[in-house]
Protein backbone atom coordinates (compact mmCIF):
# COMPACT_ATOMS: atom_id res chain seq x y z
CA MET A 1 -14.81 9.75 25.42
CA ARG A 2 -18.29 10.47 26.24
CA VAL A 3 -21.00 10.94 23.75
CA ASP A 4 -21.31 14.82 23.98
CA GLU A 5 -17.35 15.20 23.48
CA ALA A 6 -17.18 12.89 20.54
CA LEU A 7 -20.04 14.74 19.16
CA VAL A 8 -18.29 18.04 19.39
CA ARG A 9 -15.00 16.70 18.00
CA LEU A 10 -16.95 15.06 15.12
CA ASP A 11 -18.48 18.53 13.99
CA LYS A 12 -15.13 20.13 14.24
CA ALA A 13 -13.52 17.25 12.09
CA LEU A 14 -16.34 17.42 9.44
CA ASP A 15 -15.81 21.52 9.29
CA GLU A 16 -12.08 21.03 8.86
CA ALA A 17 -12.22 18.27 6.27
CA THR A 18 -14.95 20.20 4.39
CA LEU A 19 -13.15 23.56 4.41
CA GLY A 20 -9.80 21.70 3.39
CA GLY A 21 -11.31 20.02 0.44
CA HIS A 22 -10.88 16.63 1.76
CA PRO A 23 -13.09 13.88 0.28
CA GLY A 24 -13.91 12.18 3.44
CA LEU A 25 -12.69 10.80 6.78
CA TYR A 26 -12.54 7.82 9.01
CA VAL A 27 -14.37 8.11 12.52
CA VAL A 28 -12.87 5.50 14.84
CA HIS A 29 -15.25 4.91 17.80
CA GLY A 30 -14.78 1.43 18.88
CA HIS A 31 -17.30 -1.38 19.50
CA GLY A 32 -17.79 -0.77 23.35
CA SER A 33 -21.44 -0.66 24.45
CA GLY A 34 -22.44 0.72 21.01
CA ALA A 35 -23.73 4.23 22.35
CA LEU A 36 -20.87 6.09 21.02
CA LYS A 37 -21.18 4.26 17.61
CA SER A 38 -24.97 4.91 17.38
CA SER A 39 -24.93 8.71 18.35
CA ILE A 40 -21.97 9.31 15.69
CA ARG A 41 -24.03 7.57 12.92
CA GLU A 42 -27.22 9.41 13.98
CA ALA A 43 -25.15 12.68 13.76
CA LEU A 44 -23.67 11.74 10.40
CA ARG A 45 -27.25 10.86 9.10
CA GLU A 46 -28.44 14.51 9.95
CA SER A 47 -25.24 16.36 8.77
CA HIS A 48 -25.44 18.40 5.88
CA TYR A 49 -21.89 17.99 5.12
CA VAL A 50 -22.31 13.98 4.67
CA SER A 51 -22.93 12.78 1.27
CA GLU A 52 -22.93 9.03 2.65
CA PHE A 53 -21.13 6.83 5.20
CA ARG A 54 -20.74 3.09 6.07
CA PRO A 55 -19.13 0.85 8.60
CA GLY A 56 -15.25 0.24 7.71
CA ASP A 57 -14.25 -2.84 5.86
CA SER A 58 -12.10 -5.39 7.42
CA GLY A 59 -9.02 -3.39 6.45
CA GLU A 60 -10.47 -0.08 7.76
CA GLY A 61 -11.22 -1.20 11.15
CA GLY A 62 -14.58 -2.91 10.68
CA ASP A 63 -17.43 -1.88 12.49
CA GLY A 64 -15.49 -0.11 14.96
CA CYS A 65 -14.87 2.61 12.62
CA THR A 66 -17.23 4.69 10.14
CA VAL A 67 -15.90 5.63 6.81
CA VAL A 68 -17.51 9.09 5.70
CA LEU A 69 -17.69 10.73 2.35
CA ILE A 70 -17.96 14.48 2.35
């Protein structure tokens, strides 16, 4: 998935999680070149929905996944 497509889907997922009363979500972006991971994490830093986020633990997908708390 391209970065611009992923960021649109991220915004939608954050909206749905917030409106649905979910405490957070997992964003699976993989490793790849790192561009997608970096862009997603930058968007999460700027999002007013996000209270915190972190790389996944080994049982959560490791650094190929970002755990987001709303």
